[in-house]
């Protein structure tokens, strides 16, 4: 009598991890657990378990690609040891050419946004038109409504691209503004210091 054939099936969570891996590769921005669950047609608990598997598989020192939690979701990035090679292959237009004024403006919007150009100018002590235009072009800030009242100045806030470029899980990951000093001059100096430090 013949033995029944033994069916070999793959671990379901491992299969789900491979699906998530593919979703993260094709995505143009970080994906949240909810977005992954919807795309994979699975529940969030299993998604988080599968992300744990991927996080172990794609970690610093083990892989040239690293899974990171950034900008409110999950995304792949090059490992630190591969970053120089990747930098030689591709230019980084988002970070290239950011002036001190742009860094300061970006830090002000990051902490105080949504805020308008006049508000940014008051914090920095100089006009912000050129810096704001450059940051808009690079996709690091975006329009976020208008001020109430006559004229209604456009207000700006940072984008998910800002969080991703600066390696932030969310905007809340920035140091507390309360800890940056009391005088406008001191706040301006500390904001610039934070902005420059984030790109070091």
N, C-alpha and C. Protein backbone atom coordinates (compact mmCIF):
# COMPACT_ATOMS: atom_id res chain seq x y z
N UNK A 1 0.84 -1.18 0.00
CA UNK A 1 0.00 0.00 0.00
C UNK A 1 0.89 1.24 0.00
N UNK A 2 0.54 2.12 -0.94
CA UNK A 2 1.34 3.35 -1.07
C UNK A 2 1.09 4.28 0.10
N UNK A 3 2.18 4.95 0.54
CA UNK A 3 2.03 5.97 1.58
C UNK A 3 1.39 7.22 0.97
N UNK A 4 0.54 7.90 1.74
CA UNK A 4 -0.04 9.13 1.21
C UNK A 4 1.06 10.18 1.03
N UNK A 5 0.92 10.94 -0.03
CA UNK A 5 1.89 12.00 -0.29
C UNK A 5 1.82 13.04 0.81
N UNK A 6 2.98 13.46 1.28
CA UNK A 6 3.04 14.49 2.32
C UNK A 6 3.16 15.86 1.65
N UNK A 7 2.17 16.67 1.88
CA UNK A 7 2.19 18.01 1.29
C UNK A 7 3.09 18.92 2.13
N UNK A 8 4.02 19.58 1.47
CA UNK A 8 4.92 20.51 2.14
C UNK A 8 4.45 21.93 1.86
N UNK A 9 4.10 22.62 2.89
CA UNK A 9 3.63 23.99 2.72
C UNK A 9 4.57 24.95 3.43
N UNK A 10 4.72 26.12 2.88
CA UNK A 10 5.58 27.14 3.47
C UNK A 10 4.90 27.77 4.68
N UNK A 11 5.70 28.30 5.58
CA UNK A 11 5.19 29.02 6.74
C UNK A 11 4.35 30.20 6.26
N UNK A 12 3.07 30.32 6.68
CA UNK A 12 2.21 31.40 6.20
C UNK A 12 2.75 32.80 6.53
N UNK A 13 3.36 32.94 7.71
CA UNK A 13 3.91 34.26 8.08
C UNK A 13 5.10 34.60 7.19
N UNK A 14 5.90 33.59 6.84
CA UNK A 14 7.03 33.82 5.95
C UNK A 14 6.54 34.22 4.56
N UNK A 15 5.44 33.60 4.12
CA UNK A 15 4.85 33.99 2.84
C UNK A 15 4.38 35.44 2.90
N UNK A 16 3.74 35.82 4.00
CA UNK A 16 3.26 37.18 4.18
C UNK A 16 4.45 38.16 4.19
N UNK A 17 5.55 37.76 4.83
CA UNK A 17 6.74 38.61 4.86
C UNK A 17 7.26 38.87 3.46
N UNK A 18 7.21 37.85 2.60
CA UNK A 18 7.67 38.03 1.22
C UNK A 18 6.74 38.99 0.47
N UNK A 19 5.45 38.90 0.75
CA UNK A 19 4.50 39.83 0.12
C UNK A 19 4.78 41.27 0.56
N UNK A 20 5.00 41.45 1.86
CA UNK A 20 5.30 42.78 2.40
C UNK A 20 6.61 43.31 1.81
N UNK A 21 7.59 42.42 1.69
CA UNK A 21 8.87 42.78 1.10
C UNK A 21 8.66 43.35 -0.31
N UNK A 22 7.83 42.70 -1.10
CA UNK A 22 7.55 43.17 -2.46
C UNK A 22 6.82 44.51 -2.44
N UNK A 23 5.87 44.66 -1.53
CA UNK A 23 5.12 45.92 -1.44
C UNK A 23 6.05 47.08 -1.11
N UNK A 24 6.99 46.86 -0.19
CA UNK A 24 7.91 47.92 0.20
C UNK A 24 8.89 48.26 -0.92
N UNK A 25 9.23 47.27 -1.74
CA UNK A 25 10.14 47.51 -2.86
C UNK A 25 9.48 48.38 -3.92
N UNK A 26 8.20 48.15 -4.20
CA UNK A 26 7.54 48.89 -5.27
C UNK A 26 6.94 50.21 -4.79
N UNK A 27 6.82 50.41 -3.48
CA UNK A 27 6.21 51.63 -2.96
C UNK A 27 7.14 52.83 -3.15
N UNK A 28 6.55 53.99 -3.43
CA UNK A 28 7.34 55.20 -3.61
C UNK A 28 7.50 55.98 -2.31
N UNK A 29 6.82 55.54 -1.25
CA UNK A 29 6.89 56.22 0.05
C UNK A 29 6.71 55.16 1.14
N UNK A 30 7.11 55.47 2.38
CA UNK A 30 6.91 54.51 3.47
C UNK A 30 5.44 54.09 3.60
N UNK A 31 5.20 52.84 3.95
CA UNK A 31 3.85 52.30 4.10
C UNK A 31 3.59 51.99 5.57
N UNK A 32 2.43 52.40 6.06
CA UNK A 32 2.06 52.13 7.45
C UNK A 32 1.58 50.68 7.58
N UNK A 33 1.44 50.22 8.81
CA UNK A 33 0.93 48.87 9.06
C UNK A 33 -0.46 48.72 8.46
N UNK A 34 -1.31 49.73 8.62
CA UNK A 34 -2.66 49.67 8.07
C UNK A 34 -2.64 49.58 6.55
N UNK A 35 -1.76 50.36 5.91
CA UNK A 35 -1.67 50.32 4.45
C UNK A 35 -1.17 48.96 3.97
N UNK A 36 -0.21 48.40 4.69
CA UNK A 36 0.30 47.08 4.33
C UNK A 36 -0.78 46.02 4.51
N UNK A 37 -1.55 46.14 5.61
CA UNK A 37 -2.62 45.17 5.87
C UNK A 37 -3.68 45.22 4.77
N UNK A 38 -4.01 46.43 4.34
CA UNK A 38 -5.02 46.57 3.28
C UNK A 38 -4.51 46.00 1.97
N UNK A 39 -3.26 46.32 1.61
CA UNK A 39 -2.71 45.82 0.35
C UNK A 39 -2.51 44.31 0.36
N UNK A 40 -2.09 43.77 1.50
CA UNK A 40 -1.84 42.33 1.60
C UNK A 40 -3.11 41.55 1.93
N UNK A 41 -4.19 42.28 2.23
CA UNK A 41 -5.47 41.66 2.60
C UNK A 41 -5.27 40.71 3.79
N UNK A 42 -4.66 41.29 4.86
CA UNK A 42 -4.36 40.51 6.05
C UNK A 42 -4.57 41.40 7.27
N UNK A 43 -4.50 40.81 8.47
CA UNK A 43 -4.73 41.61 9.68
C UNK A 43 -3.44 42.23 10.18
N UNK A 44 -3.58 43.30 10.96
CA UNK A 44 -2.42 44.09 11.38
C UNK A 44 -1.48 43.33 12.31
N UNK A 45 -2.02 42.41 13.13
CA UNK A 45 -1.17 41.64 14.04
C UNK A 45 -0.20 40.77 13.24
N UNK A 46 -0.72 40.10 12.22
CA UNK A 46 0.15 39.27 11.37
C UNK A 46 1.13 40.13 10.57
N UNK A 47 0.70 41.31 10.15
CA UNK A 47 1.58 42.23 9.43
C UNK A 47 2.76 42.61 10.32
N UNK A 48 2.48 42.94 11.58
CA UNK A 48 3.55 43.33 12.51
C UNK A 48 4.50 42.17 12.77
N UNK A 49 3.97 40.96 12.85
CA UNK A 49 4.83 39.78 13.03
C UNK A 49 5.74 39.60 11.82
N UNK A 50 5.16 39.75 10.62
CA UNK A 50 5.95 39.61 9.40
C UNK A 50 7.00 40.71 9.28
N UNK A 51 6.65 41.92 9.72
CA UNK A 51 7.61 43.02 9.71
C UNK A 51 8.79 42.73 10.65
N UNK A 52 8.49 42.04 11.76
CA UNK A 52 9.55 41.64 12.67
C UNK A 52 10.54 40.69 11.99
N UNK A 53 10.01 39.75 11.20
CA UNK A 53 10.88 38.84 10.45
C UNK A 53 11.75 39.61 9.47
N UNK A 54 11.13 40.56 8.75
CA UNK A 54 11.87 41.35 7.77
C UNK A 54 12.91 42.24 8.44
N UNK A 55 12.54 42.79 9.59
CA UNK A 55 13.45 43.66 10.31
C UNK A 55 14.72 42.92 10.70
N UNK A 56 14.57 41.65 11.09
CA UNK A 56 15.73 40.84 11.44
C UNK A 56 16.55 40.49 10.20
N UNK A 57 15.84 40.20 9.11
CA UNK A 57 16.51 39.82 7.87
C UNK A 57 17.27 41.00 7.26
N UNK A 58 16.65 42.17 7.33
CA UNK A 58 17.24 43.38 6.73
C UNK A 58 17.66 44.34 7.84
N UNK A 59 18.76 44.06 8.50
CA UNK A 59 19.26 44.94 9.56
C UNK A 59 20.71 45.31 9.29
N UNK A 60 21.13 46.40 9.93
CA UNK A 60 22.51 46.87 9.76
C UNK A 60 23.48 45.74 10.09
N UNK A 61 24.49 45.59 9.24
CA UNK A 61 25.51 44.58 9.48
C UNK A 61 25.18 43.22 8.91
N UNK A 62 23.92 43.03 8.52
CA UNK A 62 23.53 41.73 7.98
C UNK A 62 23.17 41.83 6.51
N UNK A 63 22.68 43.00 6.09
CA UNK A 63 22.20 43.17 4.72
C UNK A 63 22.61 44.55 4.20
N UNK A 64 22.74 44.66 2.89
CA UNK A 64 23.01 45.95 2.27
C UNK A 64 21.79 46.83 2.22
N UNK A 65 20.63 46.23 2.46
CA UNK A 65 19.36 46.96 2.52
C UNK A 65 18.84 46.84 3.94
N UNK A 66 18.36 47.95 4.50
CA UNK A 66 17.89 47.97 5.88
C UNK A 66 16.42 48.38 5.91
N UNK A 67 15.62 47.66 6.70
CA UNK A 67 14.22 48.03 6.90
C UNK A 67 14.17 49.02 8.06
N UNK A 68 13.56 50.18 7.84
CA UNK A 68 13.45 51.17 8.89
C UNK A 68 12.03 51.67 9.05
N UNK A 69 11.70 52.08 10.28
CA UNK A 69 10.42 52.70 10.59
C UNK A 69 10.63 54.20 10.49
N UNK A 70 10.06 54.83 9.48
CA UNK A 70 10.33 56.24 9.22
C UNK A 70 9.09 56.89 8.61
N UNK A 71 8.88 58.18 8.92
CA UNK A 71 7.77 58.96 8.35
C UNK A 71 6.43 58.27 8.56
N UNK A 72 6.26 57.63 9.71
CA UNK A 72 4.98 56.99 10.03
C UNK A 72 4.73 55.66 9.36
N UNK A 73 5.76 55.11 8.71
CA UNK A 73 5.58 53.84 8.02
C UNK A 73 6.89 53.08 7.93
N UNK A 74 6.92 52.08 7.05
CA UNK A 74 8.11 51.26 6.87
C UNK A 74 8.64 51.42 5.45
N UNK A 75 9.97 51.41 5.33
CA UNK A 75 10.61 51.56 4.03
C UNK A 75 12.00 50.95 4.08
N UNK A 76 12.52 50.62 2.90
CA UNK A 76 13.88 50.15 2.79
C UNK A 76 14.82 51.32 2.51
N UNK A 77 16.05 51.22 3.01
CA UNK A 77 17.10 52.19 2.68
C UNK A 77 18.41 51.42 2.57
N UNK A 78 19.40 52.07 1.99
CA UNK A 78 20.73 51.46 1.90
C UNK A 78 21.35 51.41 3.29
N UNK A 79 22.13 50.38 3.55
CA UNK A 79 22.83 50.28 4.82
C UNK A 79 23.92 51.34 4.88
N UNK A 80 24.41 51.63 6.09
CA UNK A 80 25.46 52.64 6.25
C UNK A 80 26.71 52.27 5.46
N UNK A 81 27.07 50.98 5.46
CA UNK A 81 28.30 50.58 4.77
C UNK A 81 28.17 50.67 3.25
N UNK A 82 26.91 50.68 2.74
CA UNK A 82 26.70 50.78 1.30
C UNK A 82 26.36 52.20 0.86
N UNK A 83 26.20 53.12 1.81
CA UNK A 83 25.71 54.47 1.50
C UNK A 83 26.65 55.22 0.56
N UNK A 84 27.97 55.11 0.77
CA UNK A 84 28.91 55.83 -0.09
C UNK A 84 28.81 55.37 -1.54
N UNK A 85 28.72 54.06 -1.73
CA UNK A 85 28.61 53.52 -3.09
C UNK A 85 27.31 53.99 -3.74
N UNK A 86 26.23 53.98 -2.98
CA UNK A 86 24.93 54.44 -3.52
C UNK A 86 25.00 55.93 -3.85
N UNK A 87 25.68 56.69 -2.99
CA UNK A 87 25.82 58.12 -3.23
C UNK A 87 26.59 58.41 -4.51
N UNK A 88 27.58 57.57 -4.83
CA UNK A 88 28.33 57.76 -6.07
C UNK A 88 27.49 57.41 -7.29
N UNK A 89 26.56 56.49 -7.12
CA UNK A 89 25.72 56.08 -8.25
C UNK A 89 24.63 57.09 -8.53
N UNK A 90 24.04 57.63 -7.46
CA UNK A 90 22.94 58.57 -7.62
C UNK A 90 23.23 59.86 -6.88
N UNK A 91 22.94 60.98 -7.52
CA UNK A 91 23.01 62.25 -6.81
C UNK A 91 21.82 62.33 -5.87
N UNK A 92 21.92 63.17 -4.84
CA UNK A 92 20.83 63.34 -3.89
C UNK A 92 20.32 64.78 -3.99
N UNK A 93 19.45 65.06 -4.99
CA UNK A 93 19.02 66.43 -5.24
C UNK A 93 18.27 67.06 -4.08
N UNK A 94 17.64 66.26 -3.22
CA UNK A 94 16.89 66.82 -2.09
C UNK A 94 17.84 67.52 -1.13
N UNK A 95 19.00 66.91 -0.88
CA UNK A 95 19.92 67.46 0.10
C UNK A 95 20.97 68.36 -0.54
N UNK A 96 21.23 68.19 -1.84
CA UNK A 96 22.27 68.97 -2.49
C UNK A 96 21.88 70.45 -2.55
N UNK A 97 22.80 71.31 -2.19
CA UNK A 97 22.59 72.74 -2.38
C UNK A 97 21.71 73.43 -1.36
N UNK A 98 21.37 72.79 -0.24
CA UNK A 98 20.58 73.47 0.78
C UNK A 98 21.46 74.47 1.51
N UNK A 99 21.05 75.72 1.46
CA UNK A 99 21.82 76.78 2.10
C UNK A 99 21.51 76.84 3.60
N UNK A 100 22.28 77.67 4.31
CA UNK A 100 22.00 77.87 5.72
C UNK A 100 20.59 78.42 5.92
N UNK A 101 20.18 79.34 5.04
CA UNK A 101 18.82 79.91 5.12
C UNK A 101 17.76 78.82 4.93
N UNK A 102 18.04 77.88 4.01
CA UNK A 102 17.08 76.79 3.77
C UNK A 102 16.99 75.88 4.99
N UNK A 103 18.15 75.55 5.59
CA UNK A 103 18.15 74.71 6.79
C UNK A 103 17.37 75.38 7.92
N UNK A 104 17.61 76.67 8.12
CA UNK A 104 16.92 77.39 9.19
C UNK A 104 15.42 77.43 8.93
N UNK A 105 15.04 77.72 7.68
CA UNK A 105 13.62 77.78 7.32
C UNK A 105 12.96 76.42 7.51
N UNK A 106 13.66 75.36 7.11
CA UNK A 106 13.13 74.01 7.26
C UNK A 106 12.93 73.66 8.72
N UNK A 107 13.87 74.05 9.57
CA UNK A 107 13.74 73.78 11.00
C UNK A 107 12.57 74.56 11.59
N UNK A 108 12.40 75.82 11.19
CA UNK A 108 11.27 76.62 11.69
C UNK A 108 9.94 75.98 11.30
N UNK A 109 9.82 75.57 10.03
CA UNK A 109 8.58 74.94 9.58
C UNK A 109 8.36 73.61 10.30
N UNK A 110 9.45 72.87 10.52
CA UNK A 110 9.34 71.60 11.22
C UNK A 110 8.79 71.76 12.62
N UNK A 111 9.24 72.79 13.32
CA UNK A 111 8.82 73.01 14.70
C UNK A 111 7.52 73.80 14.82
N UNK A 112 7.35 74.80 13.99
CA UNK A 112 6.23 75.73 14.18
C UNK A 112 5.12 75.54 13.17
N UNK A 113 5.33 74.71 12.15
CA UNK A 113 4.33 74.56 11.08
C UNK A 113 3.05 73.92 11.55
N UNK A 114 1.96 74.21 10.83
CA UNK A 114 1.93 75.07 9.66
C UNK A 114 2.17 76.54 10.03
N UNK A 115 3.03 77.20 9.25
CA UNK A 115 3.31 78.62 9.50
C UNK A 115 3.49 79.32 8.16
N UNK A 116 3.32 80.63 8.18
CA UNK A 116 3.38 81.43 6.95
C UNK A 116 4.77 82.03 6.76
N UNK A 117 5.01 82.58 5.58
CA UNK A 117 6.30 83.23 5.31
C UNK A 117 6.56 84.38 6.29
N UNK A 118 5.56 85.24 6.58
CA UNK A 118 5.83 86.30 7.55
C UNK A 118 6.23 85.76 8.93
N UNK A 119 5.62 84.65 9.34
CA UNK A 119 5.97 84.05 10.63
C UNK A 119 7.40 83.50 10.59
N UNK A 120 7.76 82.87 9.48
CA UNK A 120 9.12 82.35 9.34
C UNK A 120 10.12 83.50 9.37
N UNK A 121 9.79 84.59 8.67
CA UNK A 121 10.68 85.76 8.62
C UNK A 121 10.86 86.37 10.01
N UNK A 122 9.79 86.37 10.82
CA UNK A 122 9.91 86.93 12.17
C UNK A 122 10.85 86.10 13.03
N UNK A 123 10.81 84.78 12.89
CA UNK A 123 11.70 83.92 13.68
C UNK A 123 13.14 84.07 13.21
N UNK A 124 13.33 84.07 11.89
CA UNK A 124 14.70 84.12 11.34
C UNK A 124 15.27 85.53 11.32
N UNK A 125 14.39 86.56 11.30
CA UNK A 125 14.87 87.94 11.25
C UNK A 125 15.18 88.43 9.86
N UNK A 126 14.91 87.61 8.84
CA UNK A 126 15.13 88.00 7.43
C UNK A 126 14.00 87.42 6.58
N UNK A 127 13.85 87.94 5.37
CA UNK A 127 12.82 87.44 4.46
C UNK A 127 13.04 85.96 4.15
N UNK A 128 11.94 85.25 3.92
CA UNK A 128 12.03 83.79 3.73
C UNK A 128 11.57 83.34 2.36
N UNK A 129 11.26 84.28 1.45
CA UNK A 129 10.66 83.91 0.17
C UNK A 129 11.51 82.93 -0.63
N UNK A 130 12.80 83.22 -0.78
CA UNK A 130 13.67 82.38 -1.58
C UNK A 130 13.83 81.00 -0.96
N UNK A 131 14.05 80.96 0.35
CA UNK A 131 14.24 79.67 1.03
C UNK A 131 12.99 78.81 0.94
N UNK A 132 11.81 79.43 1.14
CA UNK A 132 10.55 78.69 1.04
C UNK A 132 10.37 78.13 -0.37
N UNK A 133 10.65 78.94 -1.38
CA UNK A 133 10.50 78.49 -2.76
C UNK A 133 11.39 77.29 -3.05
N UNK A 134 12.63 77.34 -2.56
CA UNK A 134 13.55 76.22 -2.78
C UNK A 134 13.10 74.95 -2.09
N UNK A 135 12.58 75.07 -0.88
CA UNK A 135 12.11 73.89 -0.14
C UNK A 135 10.85 73.30 -0.77
N UNK A 136 9.98 74.17 -1.30
CA UNK A 136 8.80 73.70 -2.03
C UNK A 136 9.22 72.90 -3.26
N UNK A 137 10.20 73.42 -3.98
CA UNK A 137 10.67 72.76 -5.20
C UNK A 137 11.25 71.38 -4.90
N UNK A 138 11.93 71.26 -3.77
CA UNK A 138 12.53 69.97 -3.40
C UNK A 138 11.52 69.02 -2.75
N UNK A 139 10.32 69.49 -2.47
CA UNK A 139 9.29 68.63 -1.88
C UNK A 139 9.44 68.41 -0.40
N UNK A 140 10.26 69.25 0.28
CA UNK A 140 10.45 69.08 1.72
C UNK A 140 9.37 69.78 2.54
N UNK A 141 8.71 70.79 1.96
CA UNK A 141 7.56 71.43 2.59
C UNK A 141 6.44 71.51 1.56
N UNK A 142 5.23 71.74 2.05
CA UNK A 142 4.06 71.84 1.16
C UNK A 142 3.07 72.83 1.76
N UNK A 143 2.20 73.37 0.92
CA UNK A 143 1.17 74.28 1.38
C UNK A 143 0.20 73.55 2.30
N UNK A 144 -0.25 74.27 3.34
CA UNK A 144 -1.16 73.67 4.33
C UNK A 144 -2.24 74.69 4.72
N UNK A 145 -2.94 75.21 3.73
CA UNK A 145 -4.02 76.16 4.01
C UNK A 145 -3.52 77.60 4.04
N UNK A 146 -4.40 78.49 4.52
CA UNK A 146 -4.10 79.92 4.58
C UNK A 146 -4.47 80.48 5.94
N UNK A 147 -3.80 81.60 6.27
CA UNK A 147 -4.16 82.33 7.49
C UNK A 147 -5.56 82.88 7.37
N UNK A 148 -6.25 83.02 8.50
CA UNK A 148 -7.54 83.70 8.50
C UNK A 148 -7.31 85.19 8.34
N UNK A 149 -8.34 85.89 7.86
CA UNK A 149 -8.24 87.34 7.76
C UNK A 149 -7.83 87.80 6.39
N UNK A 150 -7.73 89.13 6.21
CA UNK A 150 -7.42 89.72 4.90
C UNK A 150 -6.07 89.25 4.38
N UNK A 151 -6.01 88.97 3.11
CA UNK A 151 -4.74 88.54 2.50
C UNK A 151 -4.49 87.06 2.62
N UNK A 152 -4.84 86.47 3.75
CA UNK A 152 -4.71 85.03 3.96
C UNK A 152 -3.40 84.44 3.49
N UNK A 153 -2.31 84.75 4.19
CA UNK A 153 -1.00 84.22 3.80
C UNK A 153 -1.00 82.70 3.78
N UNK A 154 -0.33 82.12 2.80
CA UNK A 154 -0.22 80.67 2.69
C UNK A 154 0.61 80.13 3.86
N UNK A 155 0.15 79.03 4.41
CA UNK A 155 0.87 78.38 5.50
C UNK A 155 1.56 77.12 4.96
N UNK A 156 2.67 76.75 5.59
CA UNK A 156 3.48 75.62 5.12
C UNK A 156 3.74 74.63 6.25
N UNK A 157 3.86 73.36 5.85
CA UNK A 157 4.24 72.32 6.80
C UNK A 157 5.21 71.36 6.11
N UNK A 158 5.93 70.58 6.91
CA UNK A 158 6.86 69.62 6.33
C UNK A 158 6.09 68.46 5.71
N UNK A 159 6.77 67.71 4.86
CA UNK A 159 6.16 66.59 4.14
C UNK A 159 6.73 65.25 4.63
N UNK A 160 6.10 64.15 4.24
CA UNK A 160 6.69 62.84 4.56
C UNK A 160 8.09 62.67 3.99
N UNK A 161 8.37 63.34 2.86
CA UNK A 161 9.72 63.27 2.30
C UNK A 161 10.73 63.88 3.26
N UNK A 162 10.37 64.98 3.92
CA UNK A 162 11.24 65.59 4.93
C UNK A 162 11.57 64.56 6.01
N UNK A 163 10.55 63.88 6.52
CA UNK A 163 10.77 62.89 7.57
C UNK A 163 11.67 61.75 7.08
N UNK A 164 11.45 61.36 5.85
CA UNK A 164 12.25 60.26 5.32
C UNK A 164 13.70 60.67 5.10
N UNK A 165 13.93 61.85 4.52
CA UNK A 165 15.28 62.32 4.27
C UNK A 165 16.07 62.50 5.56
N UNK A 166 15.38 63.00 6.61
CA UNK A 166 16.06 63.26 7.87
C UNK A 166 15.97 62.09 8.84
N UNK A 167 15.41 60.95 8.38
CA UNK A 167 15.40 59.74 9.20
C UNK A 167 14.52 59.82 10.42
N UNK A 168 13.40 60.54 10.33
CA UNK A 168 12.50 60.70 11.46
C UNK A 168 11.31 59.75 11.34
N UNK A 169 10.97 59.09 12.43
CA UNK A 169 9.77 58.25 12.43
C UNK A 169 8.53 59.11 12.21
N UNK A 170 8.53 60.30 12.80
CA UNK A 170 7.47 61.29 12.60
C UNK A 170 8.03 62.64 13.00
N UNK A 171 7.28 63.71 12.73
CA UNK A 171 7.73 65.04 13.10
C UNK A 171 7.88 65.17 14.61
N UNK A 172 7.16 64.34 15.35
CA UNK A 172 7.24 64.37 16.82
C UNK A 172 8.60 63.90 17.32
N UNK A 173 9.41 63.28 16.45
CA UNK A 173 10.72 62.80 16.86
C UNK A 173 11.75 63.92 16.98
N UNK A 174 11.43 65.13 16.52
CA UNK A 174 12.34 66.27 16.72
C UNK A 174 12.44 66.58 18.21
N UNK A 175 13.57 67.13 18.67
CA UNK A 175 13.67 67.54 20.08
C UNK A 175 12.58 68.55 20.42
N UNK A 176 12.17 68.59 21.69
CA UNK A 176 11.11 69.49 22.12
C UNK A 176 11.52 70.95 21.94
N UNK A 177 10.61 71.75 21.38
CA UNK A 177 10.88 73.17 21.18
C UNK A 177 11.10 73.88 22.50
N UNK A 178 10.42 73.42 23.56
CA UNK A 178 10.57 74.04 24.89
C UNK A 178 12.02 73.98 25.38
N UNK A 179 12.78 73.02 24.87
CA UNK A 179 14.15 72.84 25.33
C UNK A 179 15.16 73.64 24.51
N UNK A 180 14.67 74.42 23.53
CA UNK A 180 15.58 75.10 22.62
C UNK A 180 15.96 76.51 23.04
N UNK A 181 15.44 77.02 24.16
CA UNK A 181 15.82 78.36 24.60
C UNK A 181 14.64 79.30 24.63
N UNK A 182 14.84 80.47 25.18
CA UNK A 182 13.74 81.41 25.37
C UNK A 182 13.78 82.58 24.40
N UNK A 183 14.97 83.10 24.07
CA UNK A 183 15.03 84.26 23.19
C UNK A 183 14.94 83.84 21.73
N UNK A 184 14.43 84.73 20.89
CA UNK A 184 14.32 84.44 19.47
C UNK A 184 15.68 84.10 18.88
N UNK A 185 16.69 84.87 19.28
CA UNK A 185 18.05 84.64 18.76
C UNK A 185 18.56 83.26 19.16
N UNK A 186 18.33 82.89 20.42
CA UNK A 186 18.79 81.58 20.88
C UNK A 186 18.05 80.46 20.18
N UNK A 187 16.73 80.64 20.02
CA UNK A 187 15.94 79.62 19.32
C UNK A 187 16.44 79.48 17.89
N UNK A 188 16.71 80.62 17.21
CA UNK A 188 17.18 80.57 15.84
C UNK A 188 18.50 79.81 15.75
N UNK A 189 19.42 80.09 16.68
CA UNK A 189 20.71 79.39 16.68
C UNK A 189 20.55 77.90 16.93
N UNK A 190 19.68 77.54 17.86
CA UNK A 190 19.48 76.12 18.17
C UNK A 190 18.76 75.39 17.04
N UNK A 191 17.77 76.06 16.40
CA UNK A 191 17.07 75.45 15.27
C UNK A 191 18.06 75.16 14.15
N UNK A 192 18.94 76.10 13.87
CA UNK A 192 19.93 75.89 12.83
C UNK A 192 20.85 74.73 13.20
N UNK A 193 21.24 74.67 14.45
CA UNK A 193 22.10 73.59 14.93
C UNK A 193 21.44 72.25 14.75
N UNK A 194 20.15 72.16 15.09
CA UNK A 194 19.41 70.90 14.92
C UNK A 194 19.33 70.52 13.45
N UNK A 195 19.00 71.51 12.60
CA UNK A 195 18.85 71.24 11.16
C UNK A 195 20.15 70.73 10.56
N UNK A 196 21.26 71.38 10.88
CA UNK A 196 22.54 70.95 10.34
C UNK A 196 22.93 69.60 10.89
N UNK A 197 22.66 69.37 12.17
CA UNK A 197 22.98 68.09 12.78
C UNK A 197 22.25 66.93 12.16
N UNK A 198 21.01 67.15 11.72
CA UNK A 198 20.21 66.08 11.13
C UNK A 198 20.78 65.61 9.81
N UNK A 199 21.58 66.45 9.13
CA UNK A 199 22.12 66.05 7.84
C UNK A 199 23.58 65.64 7.92
N UNK A 200 24.12 65.66 9.16
CA UNK A 200 25.54 65.30 9.30
C UNK A 200 25.75 63.82 9.06
